[in-house]
Amino acid sequence: NYWVDIIIHPLLAKAIMIDVFEYAVADQD
């Protein structure tokens, strides 16, 4: 659990965060 949170998730966030903003976040948020 720590490995995924500390190693994998920061890499995943860097790869897709702009997509999350554009495709997934509700307009009001």
mmCIF file of all heavy atoms, coordinates in Angstrom:
data_MODEL
# 
_entry.id   MODEL 
# 
loop_
_atom_site.group_PDB 
_atom_site.id 
_atom_site.type_symbol 
_atom_site.label_atom_id 
_atom_site.label_alt_id 
_atom_site.label_comp_id 
_atom_site.label_asym_id 
_atom_site.label_entity_id 
_atom_site.label_seq_id 
_atom_site.pdbx_PDB_ins_code 
_atom_site.Cartn_x 
_atom_site.Cartn_y 
_atom_site.Cartn_z 
_atom_site.occupancy 
_atom_site.B_iso_or_equiv 
_atom_site.pdbx_formal_charge 
_atom_site.auth_seq_id 
_atom_site.auth_comp_id 
_atom_site.auth_asym_id 
_atom_site.auth_atom_id 
_atom_site.pdbx_PDB_model_num 
ATOM 1   N N   . ASN A 1 1  ? 0.828   -1.195 0.000   1.00 0.00 ? 1  ASN A N   1 
ATOM 2   C CA  . ASN A 1 1  ? 0.000   0.000  0.000   1.00 0.00 ? 1  ASN A CA  1 
ATOM 3   C C   . ASN A 1 1  ? 0.874   1.261  0.000   1.00 0.00 ? 1  ASN A C   1 
ATOM 4   O O   . ASN A 1 1  ? 0.633   2.210  -0.759  1.00 0.00 ? 1  ASN A O   1 
ATOM 5   C CB  . ASN A 1 1  ? -0.906  -0.019 1.230   1.00 0.00 ? 1  ASN A CB  1 
ATOM 6   C CG  . ASN A 1 1  ? -2.036  0.983  1.161   1.00 0.00 ? 1  ASN A CG  1 
ATOM 7   O OD1 . ASN A 1 1  ? -3.095  0.710  0.594   1.00 0.00 ? 1  ASN A OD1 1 
ATOM 8   N ND2 . ASN A 1 1  ? -1.839  2.144  1.765   1.00 0.00 ? 1  ASN A ND2 1 
ATOM 9   N N   . TYR A 1 2  ? 1.911   1.259  0.844   1.00 0.00 ? 2  TYR A N   1 
ATOM 10  C CA  . TYR A 1 2  ? 2.841   2.390  0.887   1.00 0.00 ? 2  TYR A CA  1 
ATOM 11  C C   . TYR A 1 2  ? 3.582   2.538  -0.445  1.00 0.00 ? 2  TYR A C   1 
ATOM 12  O O   . TYR A 1 2  ? 3.803   3.660  -0.925  1.00 0.00 ? 2  TYR A O   1 
ATOM 13  C CB  . TYR A 1 2  ? 3.858   2.203  2.013   1.00 0.00 ? 2  TYR A CB  1 
ATOM 14  C CG  . TYR A 1 2  ? 3.338   2.544  3.389   1.00 0.00 ? 2  TYR A CG  1 
ATOM 15  C CD1 . TYR A 1 2  ? 3.543   1.676  4.458   1.00 0.00 ? 2  TYR A CD1 1 
ATOM 16  C CD2 . TYR A 1 2  ? 2.663   3.738  3.630   1.00 0.00 ? 2  TYR A CD2 1 
ATOM 17  C CE1 . TYR A 1 2  ? 3.082   1.989  5.738   1.00 0.00 ? 2  TYR A CE1 1 
ATOM 18  C CE2 . TYR A 1 2  ? 2.200   4.050  4.896   1.00 0.00 ? 2  TYR A CE2 1 
ATOM 19  C CZ  . TYR A 1 2  ? 2.407   3.172  5.950   1.00 0.00 ? 2  TYR A CZ  1 
ATOM 20  O OH  . TYR A 1 2  ? 1.958   3.488  7.209   1.00 0.00 ? 2  TYR A OH  1 
ATOM 21  N N   . TRP A 1 3  ? 3.981   1.419  -1.035  1.00 0.00 ? 3  TRP A N   1 
ATOM 22  C CA  . TRP A 1 3  ? 4.716   1.459  -2.300  1.00 0.00 ? 3  TRP A CA  1 
ATOM 23  C C   . TRP A 1 3  ? 3.874   2.104  -3.400  1.00 0.00 ? 3  TRP A C   1 
ATOM 24  O O   . TRP A 1 3  ? 4.360   2.973  -4.142  1.00 0.00 ? 3  TRP A O   1 
ATOM 25  C CB  . TRP A 1 3  ? 5.133   0.047  -2.719  1.00 0.00 ? 3  TRP A CB  1 
ATOM 26  C CG  . TRP A 1 3  ? 5.848   -0.006 -4.038  1.00 0.00 ? 3  TRP A CG  1 
ATOM 27  C CD1 . TRP A 1 3  ? 7.117   0.408  -4.316  1.00 0.00 ? 3  TRP A CD1 1 
ATOM 28  C CD2 . TRP A 1 3  ? 5.313   -0.495 -5.282  1.00 0.00 ? 3  TRP A CD2 1 
ATOM 29  N NE1 . TRP A 1 3  ? 7.415   0.202  -5.649  1.00 0.00 ? 3  TRP A NE1 1 
ATOM 30  C CE2 . TRP A 1 3  ? 6.330   -0.346 -6.260  1.00 0.00 ? 3  TRP A CE2 1 
ATOM 31  C CE3 . TRP A 1 3  ? 4.094   -1.054 -5.647  1.00 0.00 ? 3  TRP A CE3 1 
ATOM 32  C CZ2 . TRP A 1 3  ? 6.136   -0.742 -7.586  1.00 0.00 ? 3  TRP A CZ2 1 
ATOM 33  C CZ3 . TRP A 1 3  ? 3.899   -1.431 -6.972  1.00 0.00 ? 3  TRP A CZ3 1 
ATOM 34  C CH2 . TRP A 1 3  ? 4.926   -1.280 -7.915  1.00 0.00 ? 3  TRP A CH2 1 
ATOM 35  N N   . VAL A 1 4  ? 2.615   1.718  -3.482  1.00 0.00 ? 4  VAL A N   1 
ATOM 36  C CA  . VAL A 1 4  ? 1.741   2.307  -4.484  1.00 0.00 ? 4  VAL A CA  1 
ATOM 37  C C   . VAL A 1 4  ? 1.536   3.802  -4.212  1.00 0.00 ? 4  VAL A C   1 
ATOM 38  O O   . VAL A 1 4  ? 1.620   4.632  -5.117  1.00 0.00 ? 4  VAL A O   1 
ATOM 39  C CB  . VAL A 1 4  ? 0.385   1.580  -4.546  1.00 0.00 ? 4  VAL A CB  1 
ATOM 40  C CG1 . VAL A 1 4  ? -0.595  2.317  -5.457  1.00 0.00 ? 4  VAL A CG1 1 
ATOM 41  C CG2 . VAL A 1 4  ? 0.570   0.143  -5.036  1.00 0.00 ? 4  VAL A CG2 1 
ATOM 42  N N   . ASP A 1 5  ? 1.317   4.156  -2.942  1.00 0.00 ? 5  ASP A N   1 
ATOM 43  C CA  . ASP A 1 5  ? 1.061   5.554  -2.600  1.00 0.00 ? 5  ASP A CA  1 
ATOM 44  C C   . ASP A 1 5  ? 2.282   6.442  -2.791  1.00 0.00 ? 5  ASP A C   1 
ATOM 45  O O   . ASP A 1 5  ? 2.163   7.592  -3.238  1.00 0.00 ? 5  ASP A O   1 
ATOM 46  C CB  . ASP A 1 5  ? 0.587   5.661  -1.147  1.00 0.00 ? 5  ASP A CB  1 
ATOM 47  C CG  . ASP A 1 5  ? -0.833  5.165  -0.950  1.00 0.00 ? 5  ASP A CG  1 
ATOM 48  O OD1 . ASP A 1 5  ? -1.520  4.893  -1.949  1.00 0.00 ? 5  ASP A OD1 1 
ATOM 49  O OD2 . ASP A 1 5  ? -1.262  5.053  0.220   1.00 0.00 ? 5  ASP A OD2 1 
ATOM 50  N N   . ILE A 1 6  ? 3.460   5.925  -2.461  1.00 0.00 ? 6  ILE A N   1 
ATOM 51  C CA  . ILE A 1 6  ? 4.666   6.753  -2.457  1.00 0.00 ? 6  ILE A CA  1 
ATOM 52  C C   . ILE A 1 6  ? 5.402   6.727  -3.791  1.00 0.00 ? 6  ILE A C   1 
ATOM 53  O O   . ILE A 1 6  ? 5.982   7.737  -4.212  1.00 0.00 ? 6  ILE A O   1 
ATOM 54  C CB  . ILE A 1 6  ? 5.608   6.302  -1.320  1.00 0.00 ? 6  ILE A CB  1 
ATOM 55  C CG1 . ILE A 1 6  ? 4.941   6.563  0.037   1.00 0.00 ? 6  ILE A CG1 1 
ATOM 56  C CG2 . ILE A 1 6  ? 6.956   7.013  -1.395  1.00 0.00 ? 6  ILE A CG2 1 
ATOM 57  C CD1 . ILE A 1 6  ? 5.687   5.944  1.210   1.00 0.00 ? 6  ILE A CD1 1 
ATOM 58  N N   . ILE A 1 7  ? 5.376   5.608  -4.483  1.00 0.00 ? 7  ILE A N   1 
ATOM 59  C CA  . ILE A 1 7  ? 6.126   5.468  -5.734  1.00 0.00 ? 7  ILE A CA  1 
ATOM 60  C C   . ILE A 1 7  ? 5.221   5.559  -6.970  1.00 0.00 ? 7  ILE A C   1 
ATOM 61  O O   . ILE A 1 7  ? 5.479   6.348  -7.890  1.00 0.00 ? 7  ILE A O   1 
ATOM 62  C CB  . ILE A 1 7  ? 6.898   4.124  -5.762  1.00 0.00 ? 7  ILE A CB  1 
ATOM 63  C CG1 . ILE A 1 7  ? 7.846   4.028  -4.554  1.00 0.00 ? 7  ILE A CG1 1 
ATOM 64  C CG2 . ILE A 1 7  ? 7.663   3.986  -7.081  1.00 0.00 ? 7  ILE A CG2 1 
ATOM 65  C CD1 . ILE A 1 7  ? 8.910   5.105  -4.506  1.00 0.00 ? 7  ILE A CD1 1 
ATOM 66  N N   . ILE A 1 8  ? 4.174   4.771  -7.001  1.00 0.00 ? 8  ILE A N   1 
ATOM 67  C CA  . ILE A 1 8  ? 3.358   4.665  -8.207  1.00 0.00 ? 8  ILE A CA  1 
ATOM 68  C C   . ILE A 1 8  ? 2.445   5.876  -8.399  1.00 0.00 ? 8  ILE A C   1 
ATOM 69  O O   . ILE A 1 8  ? 2.359   6.433  -9.504  1.00 0.00 ? 8  ILE A O   1 
ATOM 70  C CB  . ILE A 1 8  ? 2.530   3.366  -8.186  1.00 0.00 ? 8  ILE A CB  1 
ATOM 71  C CG1 . ILE A 1 8  ? 3.471   2.149  -8.149  1.00 0.00 ? 8  ILE A CG1 1 
ATOM 72  C CG2 . ILE A 1 8  ? 1.605   3.296  -9.409  1.00 0.00 ? 8  ILE A CG2 1 
ATOM 73  C CD1 . ILE A 1 8  ? 4.456   2.086  -9.293  1.00 0.00 ? 8  ILE A CD1 1 
ATOM 74  N N   . HIS A 1 9  ? 1.771   6.315  -7.343  1.00 0.00 ? 9  HIS A N   1 
ATOM 75  C CA  . HIS A 1 9  ? 0.800   7.390  -7.520  1.00 0.00 ? 9  HIS A CA  1 
ATOM 76  C C   . HIS A 1 9  ? 1.402   8.724  -7.954  1.00 0.00 ? 9  HIS A C   1 
ATOM 77  O O   . HIS A 1 9  ? 0.814   9.403  -8.813  1.00 0.00 ? 9  HIS A O   1 
ATOM 78  C CB  . HIS A 1 9  ? -0.068  7.555  -6.272  1.00 0.00 ? 9  HIS A CB  1 
ATOM 79  C CG  . HIS A 1 9  ? -1.406  6.912  -6.444  1.00 0.00 ? 9  HIS A CG  1 
ATOM 80  N ND1 . HIS A 1 9  ? -2.381  7.414  -7.292  1.00 0.00 ? 9  HIS A ND1 1 
ATOM 81  C CD2 . HIS A 1 9  ? -1.920  5.790  -5.926  1.00 0.00 ? 9  HIS A CD2 1 
ATOM 82  C CE1 . HIS A 1 9  ? -3.432  6.624  -7.269  1.00 0.00 ? 9  HIS A CE1 1 
ATOM 83  N NE2 . HIS A 1 9  ? -3.181  5.623  -6.450  1.00 0.00 ? 9  HIS A NE2 1 
ATOM 84  N N   . PRO A 1 10 ? 2.544   9.144  -7.421  1.00 0.00 ? 10 PRO A N   1 
ATOM 85  C CA  . PRO A 1 10 ? 3.125   10.384 -7.957  1.00 0.00 ? 10 PRO A CA  1 
ATOM 86  C C   . PRO A 1 10 ? 3.448   10.293 -9.445  1.00 0.00 ? 10 PRO A C   1 
ATOM 87  O O   . PRO A 1 10 ? 3.253   11.264 -10.185 1.00 0.00 ? 10 PRO A O   1 
ATOM 88  C CB  . PRO A 1 10 ? 4.398   10.542 -7.107  1.00 0.00 ? 10 PRO A CB  1 
ATOM 89  C CG  . PRO A 1 10 ? 4.078   9.859  -5.824  1.00 0.00 ? 10 PRO A CG  1 
ATOM 90  C CD  . PRO A 1 10 ? 3.256   8.676  -6.221  1.00 0.00 ? 10 PRO A CD  1 
ATOM 91  N N   . LEU A 1 11 ? 3.930   9.137  -9.905  1.00 0.00 ? 11 LEU A N   1 
ATOM 92  C CA  . LEU A 1 11 ? 4.207   8.950  -11.322 1.00 0.00 ? 11 LEU A CA  1 
ATOM 93  C C   . LEU A 1 11 ? 2.919   8.952  -12.135 1.00 0.00 ? 11 LEU A C   1 
ATOM 94  O O   . LEU A 1 11 ? 2.852   9.530  -13.226 1.00 0.00 ? 11 LEU A O   1 
ATOM 95  C CB  . LEU A 1 11 ? 4.972   7.647  -11.543 1.00 0.00 ? 11 LEU A CB  1 
ATOM 96  C CG  . LEU A 1 11 ? 6.380   7.590  -10.938 1.00 0.00 ? 11 LEU A CG  1 
ATOM 97  C CD1 . LEU A 1 11 ? 6.942   6.172  -11.050 1.00 0.00 ? 11 LEU A CD1 1 
ATOM 98  C CD2 . LEU A 1 11 ? 7.306   8.594  -11.625 1.00 0.00 ? 11 LEU A CD2 1 
ATOM 99  N N   . LEU A 1 12 ? 1.886   8.308  -11.604 1.00 0.00 ? 12 LEU A N   1 
ATOM 100 C CA  . LEU A 1 12 ? 0.592   8.275  -12.290 1.00 0.00 ? 12 LEU A CA  1 
ATOM 101 C C   . LEU A 1 12 ? -0.010  9.676  -12.365 1.00 0.00 ? 12 LEU A C   1 
ATOM 102 O O   . LEU A 1 12 ? -0.530  10.086 -13.409 1.00 0.00 ? 12 LEU A O   1 
ATOM 103 C CB  . LEU A 1 12 ? -0.352  7.323  -11.560 1.00 0.00 ? 12 LEU A CB  1 
ATOM 104 C CG  . LEU A 1 12 ? -1.773  7.202  -12.126 1.00 0.00 ? 12 LEU A CG  1 
ATOM 105 C CD1 . LEU A 1 12 ? -1.743  6.746  -13.578 1.00 0.00 ? 12 LEU A CD1 1 
ATOM 106 C CD2 . LEU A 1 12 ? -2.601  6.246  -11.274 1.00 0.00 ? 12 LEU A CD2 1 
ATOM 107 N N   . ALA A 1 13 ? 0.066   10.414 -11.264 1.00 0.00 ? 13 ALA A N   1 
ATOM 108 C CA  . ALA A 1 13 ? -0.474  11.777 -11.241 1.00 0.00 ? 13 ALA A CA  1 
ATOM 109 C C   . ALA A 1 13 ? 0.206   12.651 -12.282 1.00 0.00 ? 13 ALA A C   1 
ATOM 110 O O   . ALA A 1 13 ? -0.457  13.412 -13.009 1.00 0.00 ? 13 ALA A O   1 
ATOM 111 C CB  . ALA A 1 13 ? -0.311  12.382 -9.848  1.00 0.00 ? 13 ALA A CB  1 
ATOM 112 N N   . LYS A 1 14 ? 1.519   12.537 -12.380 1.00 0.00 ? 14 LYS A N   1 
ATOM 113 C CA  . LYS A 1 14 ? 2.252   13.346 -13.361 1.00 0.00 ? 14 LYS A CA  1 
ATOM 114 C C   . LYS A 1 14 ? 1.836   12.984 -14.784 1.00 0.00 ? 14 LYS A C   1 
ATOM 115 O O   . LYS A 1 14 ? 1.764   13.848 -15.667 1.00 0.00 ? 14 LYS A O   1 
ATOM 116 C CB  . LYS A 1 14 ? 3.755   13.147 -13.184 1.00 0.00 ? 14 LYS A CB  1 
ATOM 117 C CG  . LYS A 1 14 ? 4.599   14.151 -13.964 1.00 0.00 ? 14 LYS A CG  1 
ATOM 118 C CD  . LYS A 1 14 ? 6.019   14.124 -13.498 1.00 0.00 ? 14 LYS A CD  1 
ATOM 119 C CE  . LYS A 1 14 ? 6.910   15.166 -14.128 1.00 0.00 ? 14 LYS A CE  1 
ATOM 120 N NZ  . LYS A 1 14 ? 6.376   15.993 -15.182 1.00 0.00 ? 14 LYS A NZ  1 
ATOM 121 N N   . ALA A 1 15 ? 1.536   11.724 -15.007 1.00 0.00 ? 15 ALA A N   1 
ATOM 122 C CA  . ALA A 1 15 ? 1.180   11.276 -16.355 1.00 0.00 ? 15 ALA A CA  1 
ATOM 123 C C   . ALA A 1 15 ? -0.224  11.713 -16.774 1.00 0.00 ? 15 ALA A C   1 
ATOM 124 O O   . ALA A 1 15 ? -0.469  11.972 -17.958 1.00 0.00 ? 15 ALA A O   1 
ATOM 125 C CB  . ALA A 1 15 ? 1.300   9.757  -16.447 1.00 0.00 ? 15 ALA A CB  1 
ATOM 126 N N   . ILE A 1 16 ? -1.168  11.825 -15.829 1.00 0.00 ? 16 ILE A N   1 
ATOM 127 C CA  . ILE A 1 16 ? -2.566  12.004 -16.245 1.00 0.00 ? 16 ILE A CA  1 
ATOM 128 C C   . ILE A 1 16 ? -3.291  13.183 -15.605 1.00 0.00 ? 16 ILE A C   1 
ATOM 129 O O   . ILE A 1 16 ? -4.471  13.401 -15.897 1.00 0.00 ? 16 ILE A O   1 
ATOM 130 C CB  . ILE A 1 16 ? -3.388  10.722 -15.974 1.00 0.00 ? 16 ILE A CB  1 
ATOM 131 C CG1 . ILE A 1 16 ? -3.601  10.511 -14.477 1.00 0.00 ? 16 ILE A CG1 1 
ATOM 132 C CG2 . ILE A 1 16 ? -2.747  9.511  -16.615 1.00 0.00 ? 16 ILE A CG2 1 
ATOM 133 C CD1 . ILE A 1 16 ? -4.603  9.407  -14.159 1.00 0.00 ? 16 ILE A CD1 1 
ATOM 134 N N   . MET A 1 17 ? -2.660  13.969 -14.746 1.00 0.00 ? 17 MET A N   1 
ATOM 135 C CA  . MET A 1 17 ? -3.399  14.974 -13.979 1.00 0.00 ? 17 MET A CA  1 
ATOM 136 C C   . MET A 1 17 ? -4.136  15.971 -14.864 1.00 0.00 ? 17 MET A C   1 
ATOM 137 O O   . MET A 1 17 ? -5.262  16.375 -14.559 1.00 0.00 ? 17 MET A O   1 
ATOM 138 C CB  . MET A 1 17 ? -2.461  15.709 -13.031 1.00 0.00 ? 17 MET A CB  1 
ATOM 139 C CG  . MET A 1 17 ? -3.184  16.554 -11.987 1.00 0.00 ? 17 MET A CG  1 
ATOM 140 S SD  . MET A 1 17 ? -4.355  15.616 -10.968 1.00 0.00 ? 17 MET A SD  1 
ATOM 141 C CE  . MET A 1 17 ? -3.265  14.423 -10.163 1.00 0.00 ? 17 MET A CE  1 
ATOM 142 N N   . ILE A 1 18 ? -3.551  16.380 -15.976 1.00 0.00 ? 18 ILE A N   1 
ATOM 143 C CA  . ILE A 1 18 ? -4.238  17.322 -16.857 1.00 0.00 ? 18 ILE A CA  1 
ATOM 144 C C   . ILE A 1 18 ? -5.449  16.655 -17.508 1.00 0.00 ? 18 ILE A C   1 
ATOM 145 O O   . ILE A 1 18 ? -6.478  17.308 -17.753 1.00 0.00 ? 18 ILE A O   1 
ATOM 146 C CB  . ILE A 1 18 ? -3.274  17.900 -17.919 1.00 0.00 ? 18 ILE A CB  1 
ATOM 147 C CG1 . ILE A 1 18 ? -3.920  19.086 -18.638 1.00 0.00 ? 18 ILE A CG1 1 
ATOM 148 C CG2 . ILE A 1 18 ? -2.822  16.835 -18.905 1.00 0.00 ? 18 ILE A CG2 1 
ATOM 149 C CD1 . ILE A 1 18 ? -4.210  20.269 -17.739 1.00 0.00 ? 18 ILE A CD1 1 
ATOM 150 N N   . ASP A 1 19 ? -5.365  15.357 -17.765 1.00 0.00 ? 19 ASP A N   1 
ATOM 151 C CA  . ASP A 1 19 ? -6.519  14.627 -18.300 1.00 0.00 ? 19 ASP A CA  1 
ATOM 152 C C   . ASP A 1 19 ? -7.632  14.540 -17.257 1.00 0.00 ? 19 ASP A C   1 
ATOM 153 O O   . ASP A 1 19 ? -8.812  14.671 -17.594 1.00 0.00 ? 19 ASP A O   1 
ATOM 154 C CB  . ASP A 1 19 ? -6.098  13.222 -18.725 1.00 0.00 ? 19 ASP A CB  1 
ATOM 155 C CG  . ASP A 1 19 ? -5.074  13.237 -19.838 1.00 0.00 ? 19 ASP A CG  1 
ATOM 156 O OD1 . ASP A 1 19 ? -5.447  13.529 -20.985 1.00 0.00 ? 19 ASP A OD1 1 
ATOM 157 O OD2 . ASP A 1 19 ? -3.892  12.974 -19.556 1.00 0.00 ? 19 ASP A OD2 1 
ATOM 158 N N   . VAL A 1 20 ? -7.262  14.304 -16.023 1.00 0.00 ? 20 VAL A N   1 
ATOM 159 C CA  . VAL A 1 20 ? -8.245  14.270 -14.933 1.00 0.00 ? 20 VAL A CA  1 
ATOM 160 C C   . VAL A 1 20 ? -9.015  15.588 -14.894 1.00 0.00 ? 20 VAL A C   1 
ATOM 161 O O   . VAL A 1 20 ? -10.248 15.610 -14.812 1.00 0.00 ? 20 VAL A O   1 
ATOM 162 C CB  . VAL A 1 20 ? -7.557  14.000 -13.585 1.00 0.00 ? 20 VAL A CB  1 
ATOM 163 C CG1 . VAL A 1 20 ? -8.575  14.089 -12.439 1.00 0.00 ? 20 VAL A CG1 1 
ATOM 164 C CG2 . VAL A 1 20 ? -6.875  12.639 -13.573 1.00 0.00 ? 20 VAL A CG2 1 
ATOM 165 N N   . PHE A 1 21 ? -8.273  16.679 -14.967 1.00 0.00 ? 21 PHE A N   1 
ATOM 166 C CA  . PHE A 1 21 ? -8.892  18.006 -14.933 1.00 0.00 ? 21 PHE A CA  1 
ATOM 167 C C   . PHE A 1 21 ? -9.844  18.191 -16.119 1.00 0.00 ? 21 PHE A C   1 
ATOM 168 O O   . PHE A 1 21 ? -10.974 18.662 -15.948 1.00 0.00 ? 21 PHE A O   1 
ATOM 169 C CB  . PHE A 1 21 ? -7.805  19.080 -14.966 1.00 0.00 ? 21 PHE A CB  1 
ATOM 170 C CG  . PHE A 1 21 ? -8.334  20.482 -15.070 1.00 0.00 ? 21 PHE A CG  1 
ATOM 171 C CD1 . PHE A 1 21 ? -8.929  21.103 -13.985 1.00 0.00 ? 21 PHE A CD1 1 
ATOM 172 C CD2 . PHE A 1 21 ? -8.243  21.181 -16.272 1.00 0.00 ? 21 PHE A CD2 1 
ATOM 173 C CE1 . PHE A 1 21 ? -9.424  22.395 -14.082 1.00 0.00 ? 21 PHE A CE1 1 
ATOM 174 C CE2 . PHE A 1 21 ? -8.734  22.476 -16.373 1.00 0.00 ? 21 PHE A CE2 1 
ATOM 175 C CZ  . PHE A 1 21 ? -9.326  23.087 -15.278 1.00 0.00 ? 21 PHE A CZ  1 
ATOM 176 N N   . GLU A 1 22 ? -9.428  17.806 -17.299 1.00 0.00 ? 22 GLU A N   1 
ATOM 177 C CA  . GLU A 1 22 ? -10.225 18.065 -18.499 1.00 0.00 ? 22 GLU A CA  1 
ATOM 178 C C   . GLU A 1 22 ? -11.407 17.116 -18.659 1.00 0.00 ? 22 GLU A C   1 
ATOM 179 O O   . GLU A 1 22 ? -12.498 17.529 -19.068 1.00 0.00 ? 22 GLU A O   1 
ATOM 180 C CB  . GLU A 1 22 ? -9.330  17.975 -19.735 1.00 0.00 ? 22 GLU A CB  1 
ATOM 181 C CG  . GLU A 1 22 ? -8.316  19.107 -19.828 1.00 0.00 ? 22 GLU A CG  1 
ATOM 182 C CD  . GLU A 1 22 ? -7.489  19.042 -21.101 1.00 0.00 ? 22 GLU A CD  1 
ATOM 183 O OE1 . GLU A 1 22 ? -7.716  18.125 -21.924 1.00 0.00 ? 22 GLU A OE1 1 
ATOM 184 O OE2 . GLU A 1 22 ? -6.615  19.901 -21.279 1.00 0.00 ? 22 GLU A OE2 1 
ATOM 185 N N   . TYR A 1 23 ? -11.203 15.832 -18.312 1.00 0.00 ? 23 TYR A N   1 
ATOM 186 C CA  . TYR A 1 23 ? -12.207 14.824 -18.639 1.00 0.00 ? 23 TYR A CA  1 
ATOM 187 C C   . TYR A 1 23 ? -13.048 14.358 -17.451 1.00 0.00 ? 23 TYR A C   1 
ATOM 188 O O   . TYR A 1 23 ? -14.160 13.847 -17.663 1.00 0.00 ? 23 TYR A O   1 
ATOM 189 C CB  . TYR A 1 23 ? -11.547 13.592 -19.264 1.00 0.00 ? 23 TYR A CB  1 
ATOM 190 C CG  . TYR A 1 23 ? -10.884 13.848 -20.585 1.00 0.00 ? 23 TYR A CG  1 
ATOM 191 C CD1 . TYR A 1 23 ? -9.499  13.951 -20.690 1.00 0.00 ? 23 TYR A CD1 1 
ATOM 192 C CD2 . TYR A 1 23 ? -11.639 14.005 -21.752 1.00 0.00 ? 23 TYR A CD2 1 
ATOM 193 C CE1 . TYR A 1 23 ? -8.882  14.191 -21.905 1.00 0.00 ? 23 TYR A CE1 1 
ATOM 194 C CE2 . TYR A 1 23 ? -11.033 14.247 -22.973 1.00 0.00 ? 23 TYR A CE2 1 
ATOM 195 C CZ  . TYR A 1 23 ? -9.641  14.334 -23.043 1.00 0.00 ? 23 TYR A CZ  1 
ATOM 196 O OH  . TYR A 1 23 ? -9.036  14.575 -24.245 1.00 0.00 ? 23 TYR A OH  1 
ATOM 197 N N   . ALA A 1 24 ? -12.554 14.515 -16.224 1.00 0.00 ? 24 ALA A N   1 
ATOM 198 C CA  . ALA A 1 24 ? -13.218 13.859 -15.101 1.00 0.00 ? 24 ALA A CA  1 
ATOM 199 C C   . ALA A 1 24 ? -13.804 14.806 -14.058 1.00 0.00 ? 24 ALA A C   1 
ATOM 200 O O   . ALA A 1 24 ? -14.825 14.482 -13.440 1.00 0.00 ? 24 ALA A O   1 
ATOM 201 C CB  . ALA A 1 24 ? -12.240 12.901 -14.404 1.00 0.00 ? 24 ALA A CB  1 
ATOM 202 N N   . VAL A 1 25 ? -13.177 15.928 -13.827 1.00 0.00 ? 25 VAL A N   1 
ATOM 203 C CA  . VAL A 1 25 ? -13.633 16.832 -12.768 1.00 0.00 ? 25 VAL A CA  1 
ATOM 204 C C   . VAL A 1 25 ? -14.894 17.558 -13.212 1.00 0.00 ? 25 VAL A C   1 
ATOM 205 O O   . VAL A 1 25 ? -14.974 18.067 -14.343 1.00 0.00 ? 25 VAL A O   1 
ATOM 206 C CB  . VAL A 1 25 ? -12.525 17.849 -12.413 1.00 0.00 ? 25 VAL A CB  1 
ATOM 207 C CG1 . VAL A 1 25 ? -13.031 18.868 -11.392 1.00 0.00 ? 25 VAL A CG1 1 
ATOM 208 C CG2 . VAL A 1 25 ? -11.304 17.123 -11.877 1.00 0.00 ? 25 VAL A CG2 1 
ATOM 209 N N   . ALA A 1 26 ? -15.896 17.595 -12.331 1.00 0.00 ? 26 ALA A N   1 
ATOM 210 C CA  . ALA A 1 26 ? -17.141 18.295 -12.633 1.00 0.00 ? 26 ALA A CA  1 
ATOM 211 C C   . ALA A 1 26 ? -16.876 19.777 -12.878 1.00 0.00 ? 26 ALA A C   1 
ATOM 212 O O   . ALA A 1 26 ? -15.965 20.361 -12.270 1.00 0.00 ? 26 ALA A O   1 
ATOM 213 C CB  . ALA A 1 26 ? -18.135 18.120 -11.482 1.00 0.00 ? 26 ALA A CB  1 
ATOM 214 N N   . ASP A 1 27 ? -17.662 20.382 -13.739 1.00 0.00 ? 27 ASP A N   1 
ATOM 215 C CA  . ASP A 1 27 ? -17.438 21.781 -14.111 1.00 0.00 ? 27 ASP A CA  1 
ATOM 216 C C   . ASP A 1 27 ? -17.417 22.705 -12.902 1.00 0.00 ? 27 ASP A C   1 
ATOM 217 O O   . ASP A 1 27 ? -16.584 23.617 -12.818 1.00 0.00 ? 27 ASP A O   1 
ATOM 218 C CB  . ASP A 1 27 ? -18.520 22.242 -15.091 1.00 0.00 ? 27 ASP A CB  1 
ATOM 219 C CG  . ASP A 1 27 ? -18.387 21.576 -16.459 1.00 0.00 ? 27 ASP A CG  1 
ATOM 220 O OD1 . ASP A 1 27 ? -17.280 21.068 -16.760 1.00 0.00 ? 27 ASP A OD1 1 
ATOM 221 O OD2 . ASP A 1 27 ? -19.378 21.565 -17.211 1.00 0.00 ? 27 ASP A OD2 1 
ATOM 222 N N   . GLN A 1 28 ? -18.302 22.473 -11.945 1.00 0.00 ? 28 GLN A N   1 
ATOM 223 C CA  . GLN A 1 28 ? -18.376 23.344 -10.772 1.00 0.00 ? 28 GLN A CA  1 
ATOM 224 C C   . GLN A 1 28 ? -17.182 23.164 -9.832  1.00 0.00 ? 28 GLN A C   1 
ATOM 225 O O   . GLN A 1 28 ? -16.983 23.967 -8.917  1.00 0.00 ? 28 GLN A O   1 
ATOM 226 C CB  . GLN A 1 28 ? -19.681 23.126 -10.005 1.00 0.00 ? 28 GLN A CB  1 
ATOM 227 C CG  . GLN A 1 28 ? -19.907 21.711 -9.476  1.00 0.00 ? 28 GLN A CG  1 
ATOM 228 C CD  . GLN A 1 28 ? -20.725 20.865 -10.414 1.00 0.00 ? 28 GLN A CD  1 
ATOM 229 O OE1 . GLN A 1 28 ? -20.443 20.808 -11.616 1.00 0.00 ? 28 GLN A OE1 1 
ATOM 230 N NE2 . GLN A 1 28 ? -21.743 20.206 -9.887  1.00 0.00 ? 28 GLN A NE2 1 
ATOM 231 N N   . ASP A 1 29 ? -16.383 22.122 -10.064 1.00 0.00 ? 29 ASP A N   1 
ATOM 232 C CA  . ASP A 1 29 ? -15.228 21.860 -9.204  1.00 0.00 ? 29 ASP A CA  1 
ATOM 233 C C   . ASP A 1 29 ? -13.897 22.227 -9.862  1.00 0.00 ? 29 ASP A C   1 
ATOM 234 O O   . ASP A 1 29 ? -12.842 22.123 -9.229  1.00 0.00 ? 29 ASP A O   1 
ATOM 235 C CB  . ASP A 1 29 ? -15.182 20.368 -8.825  1.00 0.00 ? 29 ASP A CB  1 
ATOM 236 C CG  . ASP A 1 29 ? -16.233 20.004 -7.797  1.00 0.00 ? 29 ASP A CG  1 
ATOM 237 O OD1 . ASP A 1 29 ? -16.775 20.914 -7.147  1.00 0.00 ? 29 ASP A OD1 1 
ATOM 238 O OD2 . ASP A 1 29 ? -16.512 18.802 -7.643  1.00 0.00 ? 29 ASP A OD2 1 
# 
